[in-house]
Amino acid sequence: MADKIVGLRLFADNDGKLNHDITEGAGALLVVSQFTLYADVRKGKRPSFIDAARPETATPLYNQFVMLLRQHRLEVQTGEFGASMDVELVNDGPVTIWLEREALNAASAALGAGA
């Protein structure tokens, strides 16, 4: 997932096409854990987080992900895992991409199978 994120061409070239990745510019990464994105609201009115990883599982995964990003020699800022934080940002552009590990694994398997 870290390699995929670093390699995504999300930054525009002189023609306005998304042809540059974060390593080609002066960008940095902000990694903030947010288990609430895993809320299941299919039943009732209260979000369920039963399928979200427990802190003892999620914290090492979060730390490993940050370490893998830093191996690309990028500036990586982090939030405090499990804390209530106020995060302020400027979303510059019309692109929002949701990456899921299962989707990446399925795409890799399909490519490996010659699809």
PDB file of N, CA and C in Angstrom:
ATOM      1  N   MET A   1       0.836  -1.188   0.000  1.00  0.00           N
ATOM      2  CA  MET A   1       0.000   0.000   0.000  1.00  0.00           C
ATOM      3  C   MET A   1       0.880   1.250   0.000  1.00  0.00           C
ATOM      4  N   ALA A   2       1.973   1.234   0.761  1.00  0.00           N
ATOM      5  CA  ALA A   2       2.858   2.399   0.810  1.00  0.00           C
ATOM      6  C   ALA A   2       3.461   2.670  -0.563  1.00  0.00           C
ATOM      7  N   ASP A   3       3.934   1.611  -1.239  1.00  0.00           N
ATOM      8  CA  ASP A   3       4.506   1.783  -2.575  1.00  0.00           C
ATOM      9  C   ASP A   3       3.465   2.331  -3.545  1.00  0.00           C
ATOM     10  N   LYS A   4       2.255   1.849  -3.437  1.00  0.00           N
ATOM     11  CA  LYS A   4       1.177   2.309  -4.317  1.00  0.00           C
ATOM     12  C   LYS A   4       0.914   3.797  -4.102  1.00  0.00           C
ATOM     13  N   ILE A   5       0.835   4.214  -2.862  1.00  0.00           N
ATOM     14  CA  ILE A   5       0.556   5.618  -2.555  1.00  0.00           C
ATOM     15  C   ILE A   5       1.672   6.522  -3.060  1.00  0.00           C
ATOM     16  N   VAL A   6       2.915   6.129  -2.809  1.00  0.00           N
ATOM     17  CA  VAL A   6       4.050   6.947  -3.245  1.00  0.00           C
ATOM     18  C   VAL A   6       4.099   7.042  -4.763  1.00  0.00           C
ATOM     19  N   GLY A   7       3.714   5.988  -5.454  1.00  0.00           N
ATOM     20  CA  GLY A   7       3.788   5.976  -6.911  1.00  0.00           C
ATOM     21  C   GLY A   7       2.584   6.542  -7.640  1.00  0.00           C
ATOM     22  N   LEU A   8       1.513   6.846  -6.918  1.00  0.00           N
ATOM     23  CA  LEU A   8       0.319   7.374  -7.593  1.00  0.00           C
ATOM     24  C   LEU A   8       0.615   8.716  -8.245  1.00  0.00           C
ATOM     25  N   ARG A   9       0.246   8.833  -9.489  1.00  0.00           N
ATOM     26  CA  ARG A   9       0.453  10.087 -10.223  1.00  0.00           C
ATOM     27  C   ARG A   9      -0.758  10.992  -9.959  1.00  0.00           C
ATOM     28  N   LEU A  10      -0.637  11.794  -8.920  1.00  0.00           N
ATOM     29  CA  LEU A  10      -1.735  12.634  -8.456  1.00  0.00           C
ATOM     30  C   LEU A  10      -1.504  14.119  -8.687  1.00  0.00           C
ATOM     31  N   PHE A  11      -0.336  14.469  -9.227  1.00  0.00           N
ATOM     32  CA  PHE A  11       0.022  15.874  -9.379  1.00  0.00           C
ATOM     33  C   PHE A  11       0.133  16.219 -10.858  1.00  0.00           C
ATOM     34  N   ALA A  12      -0.404  17.366 -11.210  1.00  0.00           N
ATOM     35  CA  ALA A  12      -0.518  17.757 -12.609  1.00  0.00           C
ATOM     36  C   ALA A  12       0.815  18.187 -13.214  1.00  0.00           C
ATOM     37  N   ASP A  13       0.956  17.886 -14.496  1.00  0.00           N
ATOM     38  CA  ASP A  13       2.090  18.383 -15.266  1.00  0.00           C
ATOM     39  C   ASP A  13       1.707  19.732 -15.875  1.00  0.00           C
ATOM     40  N   ASN A  14       2.522  20.256 -16.754  1.00  0.00           N
ATOM     41  CA  ASN A  14       2.242  21.565 -17.363  1.00  0.00           C
ATOM     42  C   ASN A  14       0.985  21.569 -18.213  1.00  0.00           C
ATOM     43  N   ASP A  15       0.539  20.387 -18.655  1.00  0.00           N
ATOM     44  CA  ASP A  15      -0.676  20.294 -19.463  1.00  0.00           C
ATOM     45  C   ASP A  15      -1.916  20.002 -18.621  1.00  0.00           C
ATOM     46  N   GLY A  16      -1.744  19.964 -17.303  1.00  0.00           N
ATOM     47  CA  GLY A  16      -2.874  19.708 -16.411  1.00  0.00           C
ATOM     48  C   GLY A  16      -3.211  18.242 -16.242  1.00  0.00           C
ATOM     49  N   LYS A  17      -2.417  17.345 -16.798  1.00  0.00           N
ATOM     50  CA  LYS A  17      -2.655  15.910 -16.661  1.00  0.00           C
ATOM     51  C   LYS A  17      -1.948  15.397 -15.407  1.00  0.00           C
ATOM     52  N   LEU A  18      -2.569  14.446 -14.750  1.00  0.00           N
ATOM     53  CA  LEU A  18      -2.004  13.886 -13.529  1.00  0.00           C
ATOM     54  C   LEU A  18      -0.879  12.924 -13.903  1.00  0.00           C
ATOM     55  N   ASN A  19       0.335  13.440 -14.022  1.00  0.00           N
ATOM     56  CA  ASN A  19       1.479  12.650 -14.463  1.00  0.00           C
ATOM     57  C   ASN A  19       2.626  12.608 -13.467  1.00  0.00           C
ATOM     58  N   HIS A  20       2.525  13.290 -12.341  1.00  0.00           N
ATOM     59  CA  HIS A  20       3.632  13.335 -11.384  1.00  0.00           C
ATOM     60  C   HIS A  20       3.222  12.705 -10.062  1.00  0.00           C
ATOM     61  N   ASP A  21       4.168  11.967  -9.461  1.00  0.00           N
ATOM     62  CA  ASP A  21       3.913  11.417  -8.126  1.00  0.00           C
ATOM     63  C   ASP A  21       4.565  12.317  -7.087  1.00  0.00           C
ATOM     64  N   ILE A  22       4.398  11.977  -5.834  1.00  0.00           N
ATOM     65  CA  ILE A  22       4.863  12.839  -4.747  1.00  0.00           C
ATOM     66  C   ILE A  22       6.385  12.974  -4.703  1.00  0.00           C
ATOM     67  N   THR A  23       7.097  11.993  -5.249  1.00  0.00           N
ATOM     68  CA  THR A  23       8.556  12.063  -5.228  1.00  0.00           C
ATOM     69  C   THR A  23       9.095  13.091  -6.214  1.00  0.00           C
ATOM     70  N   GLU A  24       8.259  13.571  -7.120  1.00  0.00           N
ATOM     71  CA  GLU A  24       8.702  14.517  -8.143  1.00  0.00           C
ATOM     72  C   GLU A  24       8.443  15.965  -7.758  1.00  0.00           C
ATOM     73  N   GLY A  25       7.951  16.193  -6.578  1.00  0.00           N
ATOM     74  CA  GLY A  25       7.630  17.557  -6.169  1.00  0.00           C
ATOM     75  C   GLY A  25       8.088  17.829  -4.754  1.00  0.00           C
ATOM     76  N   ALA A  26       7.554  18.886  -4.217  1.00  0.00           N
ATOM     77  CA  ALA A  26       7.924  19.295  -2.858  1.00  0.00           C
ATOM     78  C   ALA A  26       6.838  18.890  -1.877  1.00  0.00           C
ATOM     79  N   GLY A  27       6.199  17.757  -2.137  1.00  0.00           N
ATOM     80  CA  GLY A  27       5.093  17.336  -1.290  1.00  0.00           C
ATOM     81  C   GLY A  27       5.535  16.600  -0.048  1.00  0.00           C
ATOM     82  N   ALA A  28       4.624  16.470   0.869  1.00  0.00           N
ATOM     83  CA  ALA A  28       4.829  15.712   2.098  1.00  0.00           C
ATOM     84  C   ALA A  28       3.557  14.918   2.351  1.00  0.00           C
ATOM     85  N   LEU A  29       3.642  13.986   3.248  1.00  0.00           N
ATOM     86  CA  LEU A  29       2.491  13.149   3.575  1.00  0.00           C
ATOM     87  C   LEU A  29       2.075  13.374   5.023  1.00  0.00           C
ATOM     88  N   LEU A  30       0.778  13.352   5.246  1.00  0.00           N
ATOM     89  CA  LEU A  30       0.224  13.388   6.595  1.00  0.00           C
ATOM     90  C   LEU A  30      -0.549  12.091   6.775  1.00  0.00           C
ATOM     91  N   VAL A  31      -0.132  11.264   7.722  1.00  0.00           N
ATOM     92  CA  VAL A  31      -0.772   9.981   7.978  1.00  0.00           C
ATOM     93  C   VAL A  31      -1.488  10.074   9.320  1.00  0.00           C
ATOM     94  N   VAL A  32      -2.800   9.959   9.265  1.00  0.00           N
ATOM     95  CA  VAL A  32      -3.620  10.052  10.467  1.00  0.00           C
ATOM     96  C   VAL A  32      -4.518   8.827  10.519  1.00  0.00           C
ATOM     97  N   SER A  33      -4.448   8.089  11.609  1.00  0.00           N
ATOM     98  CA  SER A  33      -5.334   6.933  11.761  1.00  0.00           C
ATOM     99  C   SER A  33      -6.747   7.438  11.997  1.00  0.00           C
ATOM    100  N   GLN A  34      -7.698   6.762  11.381  1.00  0.00           N
ATOM    101  CA  GLN A  34      -9.088   7.174  11.560  1.00  0.00           C
ATOM    102  C   GLN A  34      -9.983   5.944  11.457  1.00  0.00           C
ATOM    103  N   PHE A  35     -10.086   5.216  12.560  1.00  0.00           N
ATOM    104  CA  PHE A  35     -10.863   3.990  12.542  1.00  0.00           C
ATOM    105  C   PHE A  35     -12.330   4.251  12.246  1.00  0.00           C
ATOM    106  N   THR A  36     -12.802   5.463  12.459  1.00  0.00           N
ATOM    107  CA  THR A  36     -14.219   5.760  12.238  1.00  0.00           C
ATOM    108  C   THR A  36     -14.601   5.617  10.762  1.00  0.00           C
ATOM    109  N   LEU A  37     -13.610   5.635   9.863  1.00  0.00           N
ATOM    110  CA  LEU A  37     -13.916   5.391   8.452  1.00  0.00           C
ATOM    111  C   LEU A  37     -14.406   3.968   8.234  1.00  0.00           C
ATOM    112  N   TYR A  38     -14.172   3.103   9.201  1.00  0.00           N
ATOM    113  CA  TYR A  38     -14.571   1.705   9.094  1.00  0.00           C
ATOM    114  C   TYR A  38     -15.960   1.457   9.684  1.00  0.00           C
ATOM    115  N   ALA A  39     -16.691   2.502   9.946  1.00  0.00           N
ATOM    116  CA  ALA A  39     -18.021   2.369  10.548  1.00  0.00           C
ATOM    117  C   ALA A  39     -18.965   1.610   9.622  1.00  0.00           C
ATOM    118  N   ASP A  40     -19.724   0.725  10.197  1.00  0.00           N
ATOM    119  CA  ASP A  40     -20.759  -0.015   9.479  1.00  0.00           C
ATOM    120  C   ASP A  40     -22.101   0.564   9.912  1.00  0.00           C
ATOM    121  N   VAL A  41     -22.822   1.144   8.985  1.00  0.00           N
ATOM    122  CA  VAL A  41     -24.101   1.779   9.308  1.00  0.00           C
ATOM    123  C   VAL A  41     -25.272   1.093   8.596  1.00  0.00           C
ATOM    124  N   ARG A  42     -25.069  -0.152   8.200  1.00  0.00           N
ATOM    125  CA  ARG A  42     -26.133  -0.869   7.484  1.00  0.00           C
ATOM    126  C   ARG A  42     -27.326  -1.188   8.379  1.00  0.00           C
ATOM    127  N   LYS A  43     -27.106  -1.345   9.680  1.00  0.00           N
ATOM    128  CA  LYS A  43     -28.198  -1.681  10.603  1.00  0.00           C
ATOM    129  C   LYS A  43     -28.356  -0.571  11.623  1.00  0.00           C
ATOM    130  N   GLY A  44     -29.589  -0.252  11.941  1.00  0.00           N
ATOM    131  CA  GLY A  44     -29.863   0.706  13.007  1.00  0.00           C
ATOM    132  C   GLY A  44     -29.345   2.108  12.724  1.00  0.00           C
ATOM    133  N   LYS A  45     -29.215   2.887  13.790  1.00  0.00           N
ATOM    134  CA  LYS A  45     -28.811   4.285  13.666  1.00  0.00           C
ATOM    135  C   LYS A  45     -27.474   4.576  14.328  1.00  0.00           C
ATOM    136  N   ARG A  46     -26.899   3.584  15.001  1.00  0.00           N
ATOM    137  CA  ARG A  46     -25.610   3.781  15.656  1.00  0.00           C
ATOM    138  C   ARG A  46     -24.535   3.072  14.833  1.00  0.00           C
ATOM    139  N   PRO A  47     -23.457   3.782  14.476  1.00  0.00           N
ATOM    140  CA  PRO A  47     -22.384   3.131  13.718  1.00  0.00           C
ATOM    141  C   PRO A  47     -21.750   2.006  14.536  1.00  0.00           C
ATOM    142  N   SER A  48     -21.444   0.919  13.863  1.00  0.00           N
ATOM    143  CA  SER A  48     -20.755  -0.200  14.502  1.00  0.00           C
ATOM    144  C   SER A  48     -19.302  -0.205  14.040  1.00  0.00           C
ATOM    145  N   PHE A  49     -18.408  -0.393  14.985  1.00  0.00           N
ATOM    146  CA  PHE A  49     -16.977  -0.464  14.674  1.00  0.00           C
ATOM    147  C   PHE A  49     -16.429  -1.853  15.010  1.00  0.00           C
ATOM    148  N   ILE A  50     -17.313  -2.837  15.079  1.00  0.00           N
ATOM    149  CA  ILE A  50     -16.928  -4.173  15.513  1.00  0.00           C
ATOM    150  C   ILE A  50     -15.878  -4.806  14.600  1.00  0.00           C
ATOM    151  N   ASP A  51     -15.871  -4.447  13.318  1.00  0.00           N
ATOM    152  CA  ASP A  51     -14.906  -5.035  12.388  1.00  0.00           C
ATOM    153  C   ASP A  51     -13.599  -4.251  12.293  1.00  0.00           C
ATOM    154  N   ALA A  52     -13.520  -3.108  12.954  1.00  0.00           N
ATOM    155  CA  ALA A  52     -12.271  -2.333  12.954  1.00  0.00           C
ATOM    156  C   ALA A  52     -11.241  -3.058  13.826  1.00  0.00           C
ATOM    157  N   ALA A  53      -9.992  -2.974  13.430  1.00  0.00           N
ATOM    158  CA  ALA A  53      -8.930  -3.642  14.193  1.00  0.00           C
ATOM    159  C   ALA A  53      -8.783  -3.018  15.577  1.00  0.00           C
ATOM    160  N   ARG A  54      -8.532  -3.848  16.559  1.00  0.00           N
ATOM    161  CA  ARG A  54      -8.277  -3.388  17.920  1.00  0.00           C
ATOM    162  C   ARG A  54      -6.933  -2.654  17.944  1.00  0.00           C
ATOM    163  N   PRO A  55      -6.737  -1.721  18.887  1.00  0.00           N
ATOM    164  CA  PRO A  55      -5.480  -0.962  18.944  1.00  0.00           C
ATOM    165  C   PRO A  55      -4.221  -1.826  18.985  1.00  0.00           C
ATOM    166  N   GLU A  56      -4.281  -2.963  19.687  1.00  0.00           N
ATOM    167  CA  GLU A  56      -3.083  -3.802  19.770  1.00  0.00           C
ATOM    168  C   GLU A  56      -2.702  -4.423  18.429  1.00  0.00           C
ATOM    169  N   THR A  57      -3.656  -4.507  17.506  1.00  0.00           N
ATOM    170  CA  THR A  57      -3.382  -4.968  16.137  1.00  0.00           C
ATOM    171  C   THR A  57      -3.102  -3.782  15.226  1.00  0.00           C
ATOM    172  N   ALA A  58      -3.915  -2.754  15.340  1.00  0.00           N
ATOM    173  CA  ALA A  58      -3.836  -1.615  14.420  1.00  0.00           C
ATOM    174  C   ALA A  58      -2.604  -0.740  14.633  1.00  0.00           C
ATOM    175  N   THR A  59      -2.192  -0.535  15.874  1.00  0.00           N
ATOM    176  CA  THR A  59      -1.052   0.351  16.144  1.00  0.00           C
ATOM    177  C   THR A  59       0.227  -0.120  15.452  1.00  0.00           C
ATOM    178  N   PRO A  60       0.620  -1.399  15.571  1.00  0.00           N
ATOM    179  CA  PRO A  60       1.827  -1.832  14.855  1.00  0.00           C
ATOM    180  C   PRO A  60       1.683  -1.716  13.333  1.00  0.00           C
ATOM    181  N   LEU A  61       0.488  -1.965  12.799  1.00  0.00           N
ATOM    182  CA  LEU A  61       0.279  -1.829  11.352  1.00  0.00           C
ATOM    183  C   LEU A  61       0.436  -0.375  10.913  1.00  0.00           C
ATOM    184  N   TYR A  62      -0.124   0.523  11.695  1.00  0.00           N
ATOM    185  CA  TYR A  62      -0.007   1.959  11.424  1.00  0.00           C
ATOM    186  C   TYR A  62       1.464   2.379  11.444  1.00  0.00           C
ATOM    187  N   ASN A  63       2.187   1.958  12.470  1.00  0.00           N
ATOM    188  CA  ASN A  63       3.607   2.318  12.588  1.00  0.00           C
ATOM    189  C   ASN A  63       4.435   1.737  11.449  1.00  0.00           C
ATOM    190  N   GLN A  64       4.128   0.516  11.046  1.00  0.00           N
ATOM    191  CA  GLN A  64       4.843  -0.105   9.929  1.00  0.00           C
ATOM    192  C   GLN A  64       4.572   0.655   8.626  1.00  0.00           C
ATOM    193  N   PHE A  65       3.332   1.064   8.417  1.00  0.00           N
ATOM    194  CA  PHE A  65       2.965   1.820   7.221  1.00  0.00           C
ATOM    195  C   PHE A  65       3.740   3.135   7.159  1.00  0.00           C
ATOM    196  N   VAL A  66       3.813   3.839   8.269  1.00  0.00           N
ATOM    197  CA  VAL A  66       4.570   5.099   8.329  1.00  0.00           C
ATOM    198  C   VAL A  66       6.045   4.845   8.031  1.00  0.00           C
ATOM    199  N   MET A  67       6.608   3.779   8.596  1.00  0.00           N
ATOM    200  CA  MET A  67       8.011   3.440   8.354  1.00  0.00           C
ATOM    201  C   MET A  67       8.255   3.154   6.864  1.00  0.00           C
ATOM    202  N   LEU A  68       7.341   2.418   6.227  1.00  0.00           N
ATOM    203  CA  LEU A  68       7.492   2.105   4.808  1.00  0.00           C
ATOM    204  C   LEU A  68       7.434   3.366   3.946  1.00  0.00           C
ATOM    205  N   LEU A  69       6.576   4.303   4.314  1.00  0.00           N
ATOM    206  CA  LEU A  69       6.524   5.574   3.578  1.00  0.00           C
ATOM    207  C   LEU A  69       7.827   6.344   3.749  1.00  0.00           C
ATOM    208  N   ARG A  70       8.355   6.367   4.949  1.00  0.00           N
ATOM    209  CA  ARG A  70       9.599   7.104   5.226  1.00  0.00           C
ATOM    210  C   ARG A  70      10.796   6.485   4.504  1.00  0.00           C
ATOM    211  N   GLN A  71      10.733   5.204   4.192  1.00  0.00           N
ATOM    212  CA  GLN A  71      11.816   4.566   3.452  1.00  0.00           C
ATOM    213  C   GLN A  71      11.958   5.145   2.040  1.00  0.00           C
ATOM    214  N   HIS A  72      10.925   5.835   1.577  1.00  0.00           N
ATOM    215  CA  HIS A  72      10.974   6.502   0.271  1.00  0.00           C
ATOM    216  C   HIS A  72      11.607   7.890   0.373  1.00  0.00           C
ATOM    217  N   ARG A  73      12.126   8.209   1.532  1.00  0.00           N
ATOM    218  CA  ARG A  73      12.794   9.488   1.803  1.00  0.00           C
ATOM    219  C   ARG A  73      11.853  10.684   1.597  1.00  0.00           C
ATOM    220  N   LEU A  74      10.629  10.488   2.034  1.00  0.00           N
ATOM    221  CA  LEU A  74       9.638  11.557   1.985  1.00  0.00           C
ATOM    222  C   LEU A  74       9.440  12.127   3.376  1.00  0.00           C
ATOM    223  N   GLU A  75       9.002  13.377   3.428  1.00  0.00           N
ATOM    224  CA  GLU A  75       8.595  13.937   4.712  1.00  0.00           C
ATOM    225  C   GLU A  75       7.241  13.340   5.060  1.00  0.00           C
ATOM    226  N   VAL A  76       7.166  12.688   6.202  1.00  0.00           N
ATOM    227  CA  VAL A  76       5.925  12.066   6.646  1.00  0.00           C
ATOM    228  C   VAL A  76       5.616  12.573   8.049  1.00  0.00           C
ATOM    229  N   GLN A  77       4.514  13.278   8.181  1.00  0.00           N
ATOM    230  CA  GLN A  77       4.023  13.723   9.481  1.00  0.00           C
ATOM    231  C   GLN A  77       2.929  12.763   9.916  1.00  0.00           C
ATOM    232  N   THR A  78       2.769  12.600  11.208  1.00  0.00           N
ATOM    233  CA  THR A  78       1.755  11.675  11.704  1.00  0.00           C
ATOM    234  C   THR A  78       0.889  12.336  12.756  1.00  0.00           C
ATOM    235  N   GLY A  79      -0.269  11.757  12.918  1.00  0.00           N
ATOM    236  CA  GLY A  79      -1.109  12.125  14.036  1.00  0.00           C
ATOM    237  C   GLY A  79      -0.743  11.231  15.205  1.00  0.00           C
ATOM    238  N   GLU A  80      -1.467  11.352  16.281  1.00  0.00           N
ATOM    239  CA  GLU A  80      -1.254  10.493  17.445  1.00  0.00           C
ATOM    240  C   GLU A  80      -2.287   9.379  17.388  1.00  0.00           C
ATOM    241  N   PHE A  81      -1.827   8.153  17.271  1.00  0.00           N
ATOM    242  CA  PHE A  81      -2.736   7.019  17.106  1.00  0.00           C
ATOM    243  C   PHE A  81      -3.737   6.964  18.253  1.00  0.00           C
ATOM    244  N   GLY A  82      -5.009   6.898  17.908  1.00  0.00           N
ATOM    245  CA  GLY A  82      -6.064   6.760  18.900  1.00  0.00           C
ATOM    246  C   GLY A  82      -6.494   8.040  19.583  1.00  0.00           C
ATOM    247  N   ALA A  83      -5.860   9.156  19.239  1.00  0.00           N
ATOM    248  CA  ALA A  83      -6.194  10.419  19.906  1.00  0.00           C
ATOM    249  C   ALA A  83      -7.312  11.141  19.164  1.00  0.00           C
ATOM    250  N   SER A  84      -7.979  12.015  19.864  1.00  0.00           N
ATOM    251  CA  SER A  84      -8.938  12.919  19.252  1.00  0.00           C
ATOM    252  C   SER A  84      -8.142  14.127  18.765  1.00  0.00           C
ATOM    253  N   MET A  85      -8.162  14.363  17.450  1.00  0.00           N
ATOM    254  CA  MET A  85      -7.318  15.414  16.877  1.00  0.00           C
ATOM    255  C   MET A  85      -8.142  16.351  15.997  1.00  0.00           C
ATOM    256  N   ASP A  86      -7.702  17.575  15.928  1.00  0.00           N
ATOM    257  CA  ASP A  86      -8.226  18.525  14.954  1.00  0.00           C
ATOM    258  C   ASP A  86      -7.198  18.612  13.840  1.00  0.00           C
ATOM    259  N   VAL A  87      -7.610  18.231  12.629  1.00  0.00           N
ATOM    260  CA  VAL A  87      -6.711  18.251  11.480  1.00  0.00           C
ATOM    261  C   VAL A  87      -7.245  19.264  10.492  1.00  0.00           C
ATOM    262  N   GLU A  88      -6.383  20.163  10.082  1.00  0.00           N
ATOM    263  CA  GLU A  88      -6.775  21.189   9.124  1.00  0.00           C
ATOM    264  C   GLU A  88      -5.958  21.011   7.862  1.00  0.00           C
ATOM    265  N   LEU A  89      -6.614  21.080   6.709  1.00  0.00           N
ATOM    266  CA  LEU A  89      -5.901  20.928   5.458  1.00  0.00           C
ATOM    267  C   LEU A  89      -6.577  21.742   4.369  1.00  0.00           C
ATOM    268  N   VAL A  90      -5.845  21.914   3.298  1.00  0.00           N
ATOM    269  CA  VAL A  90      -6.402  22.522   2.097  1.00  0.00           C
ATOM    270  C   VAL A  90      -6.397  21.434   1.040  1.00  0.00           C
ATOM    271  N   ASN A  91      -7.566  21.073   0.564  1.00  0.00           N
ATOM    272  CA  ASN A  91      -7.685  20.051  -0.462  1.00  0.00           C
ATOM    273  C   ASN A  91      -7.569  20.743  -1.814  1.00  0.00           C
ATOM    274  N   ASP A  92      -6.394  20.660  -2.423  1.00  0.00           N
ATOM    275  CA  ASP A  92      -6.105  21.356  -3.665  1.00  0.00           C
ATOM    276  C   ASP A  92      -6.346  20.422  -4.841  1.00  0.00           C
ATOM    277  N   GLY A  93      -7.529  20.466  -5.390  1.00  0.00           N
ATOM    278  CA  GLY A  93      -7.814  19.659  -6.564  1.00  0.00           C
ATOM    279  C   GLY A  93      -9.078  18.854  -6.432  1.00  0.00           C
ATOM    280  N   PRO A  94      -9.501  18.321  -7.542  1.00  0.00           N
ATOM    281  CA  PRO A  94     -10.775  17.604  -7.582  1.00  0.00           C
ATOM    282  C   PRO A  94     -10.650  16.108  -7.337  1.00  0.00           C
ATOM    283  N   VAL A  95      -9.488  15.630  -6.881  1.00  0.00           N
ATOM    284  CA  VAL A  95      -9.265  14.192  -6.801  1.00  0.00           C
ATOM    285  C   VAL A  95      -9.319  13.696  -5.361  1.00  0.00           C
ATOM    286  N   THR A  96     -10.155  12.702  -5.132  1.00  0.00           N
ATOM    287  CA  THR A  96     -10.175  11.964  -3.878  1.00  0.00           C
ATOM    288  C   THR A  96     -10.176  10.490  -4.256  1.00  0.00           C
ATOM    289  N   ILE A  97      -9.246   9.718  -3.717  1.00  0.00           N
ATOM    290  CA  ILE A  97      -9.114   8.305  -4.080  1.00  0.00           C
ATOM    291  C   ILE A  97      -9.167   7.472  -2.808  1.00  0.00           C
ATOM    292  N   TRP A  98      -9.993   6.445  -2.814  1.00  0.00           N
ATOM    293  CA  TRP A  98     -10.119   5.535  -1.687  1.00  0.00           C
ATOM    294  C   TRP A  98      -9.377   4.259  -2.069  1.00  0.00           C
ATOM    295  N   LEU A  99      -8.352   3.900  -1.321  1.00  0.00           N
ATOM    296  CA  LEU A  99      -7.587   2.676  -1.575  1.00  0.00           C
ATOM    297  C   LEU A  99      -7.919   1.647  -0.520  1.00  0.00           C
ATOM    298  N   GLU A 100      -8.200   0.436  -0.965  1.00  0.00           N
ATOM    299  CA  GLU A 100      -8.451  -0.657  -0.043  1.00  0.00           C
ATOM    300  C   GLU A 100      -7.505  -1.795  -0.363  1.00  0.00           C
ATOM    301  N   ARG A 101      -6.945  -2.403   0.646  1.00  0.00           N
ATOM    302  CA  ARG A 101      -5.980  -3.478   0.458  1.00  0.00           C
ATOM    303  C   ARG A 101      -6.569  -4.620  -0.359  1.00  0.00           C
ATOM    304  N   GLU A 102      -7.811  -5.005  -0.107  1.00  0.00           N
ATOM    305  CA  GLU A 102      -8.421  -6.114  -0.828  1.00  0.00           C
ATOM    306  C   GLU A 102      -8.505  -5.818  -2.316  1.00  0.00           C
ATOM    307  N   ALA A 103      -8.843  -4.575  -2.670  1.00  0.00           N
ATOM    308  CA  ALA A 103      -8.931  -4.211  -4.084  1.00  0.00           C
ATOM    309  C   ALA A 103      -7.554  -4.251  -4.739  1.00  0.00           C
ATOM    310  N   LEU A 104      -6.527  -3.797  -4.025  1.00  0.00           N
ATOM    311  CA  LEU A 104      -5.170  -3.851  -4.561  1.00  0.00           C
ATOM    312  C   LEU A 104      -4.714  -5.285  -4.747  1.00  0.00           C
ATOM    313  N   ASN A 105      -5.022  -6.151  -3.791  1.00  0.00           N
ATOM    314  CA  ASN A 105      -4.655  -7.559  -3.894  1.00  0.00           C
ATOM    315  C   ASN A 105      -5.358  -8.218  -5.071  1.00  0.00           C
ATOM    316  N   ALA A 106      -6.634  -7.918  -5.284  1.00  0.00           N
ATOM    317  CA  ALA A 106      -7.386  -8.502  -6.396  1.00  0.00           C
ATOM    318  C   ALA A 106      -6.820  -8.034  -7.730  1.00  0.00           C
ATOM    319  N   ALA A 107      -6.466  -6.758  -7.819  1.00  0.00           N
ATOM    320  CA  ALA A 107      -5.894  -6.230  -9.060  1.00  0.00           C
ATOM    321  C   ALA A 107      -4.542  -6.879  -9.347  1.00  0.00           C
ATOM    322  N   SER A 108      -3.720  -7.051  -8.324  1.00  0.00           N
ATOM    323  CA  SER A 108      -2.417  -7.693  -8.498  1.00  0.00           C
ATOM    324  C   SER A 108      -2.580  -9.140  -8.943  1.00  0.00           C
ATOM    325  N   ALA A 109      -3.539  -9.844  -8.352  1.00  0.00           N
ATOM    326  CA  ALA A 109      -3.769 -11.238  -8.721  1.00  0.00           C
ATOM    327  C   ALA A 109      -4.245 -11.337 -10.167  1.00  0.00           C
ATOM    328  N   ALA A 110      -5.125 -10.420 -10.580  1.00  0.00           N
ATOM    329  CA  ALA A 110      -5.635 -10.440 -11.952  1.00  0.00           C
ATOM    330  C   ALA A 110      -4.504 -10.172 -12.945  1.00  0.00           C
ATOM    331  N   LEU A 111      -3.625  -9.244 -12.614  1.00  0.00           N
ATOM    332  CA  LEU A 111      -2.495  -8.951 -13.502  1.00  0.00           C
ATOM    333  C   LEU A 111      -1.551 -10.142 -13.573  1.00  0.00           C
ATOM    334  N   GLY A 112      -1.351 -10.803 -12.451  1.00  0.00           N
ATOM    335  CA  GLY A 112      -0.469 -11.968 -12.419  1.00  0.00           C
ATOM    336  C   GLY A 112      -1.034 -13.143 -13.189  1.00  0.00           C
ATOM    337  N   ALA A 113      -2.361 -13.180 -13.331  1.00  0.00           N
ATOM    338  CA  ALA A 113      -3.017 -14.276 -14.051  1.00  0.00           C
ATOM    339  C   ALA A 113      -3.125 -13.990 -15.541  1.00  0.00           C
ATOM    340  N   GLY A 114      -2.577 -12.853 -15.973  1.00  0.00           N
ATOM    341  CA  GLY A 114      -2.601 -12.519 -17.394  1.00  0.00           C
ATOM    342  C   GLY A 114      -3.857 -11.792 -17.834  1.00  0.00           C
ATOM    343  N   ALA A 115      -4.642 -11.326 -16.881  1.00  0.00           N
ATOM    344  CA  ALA A 115      -5.872 -10.615 -17.235  1.00  0.00           C
ATOM    345  C   ALA A 115      -5.576  -9.211 -17.708  1.00  0.00           C
TER     346      ALA A 115
END
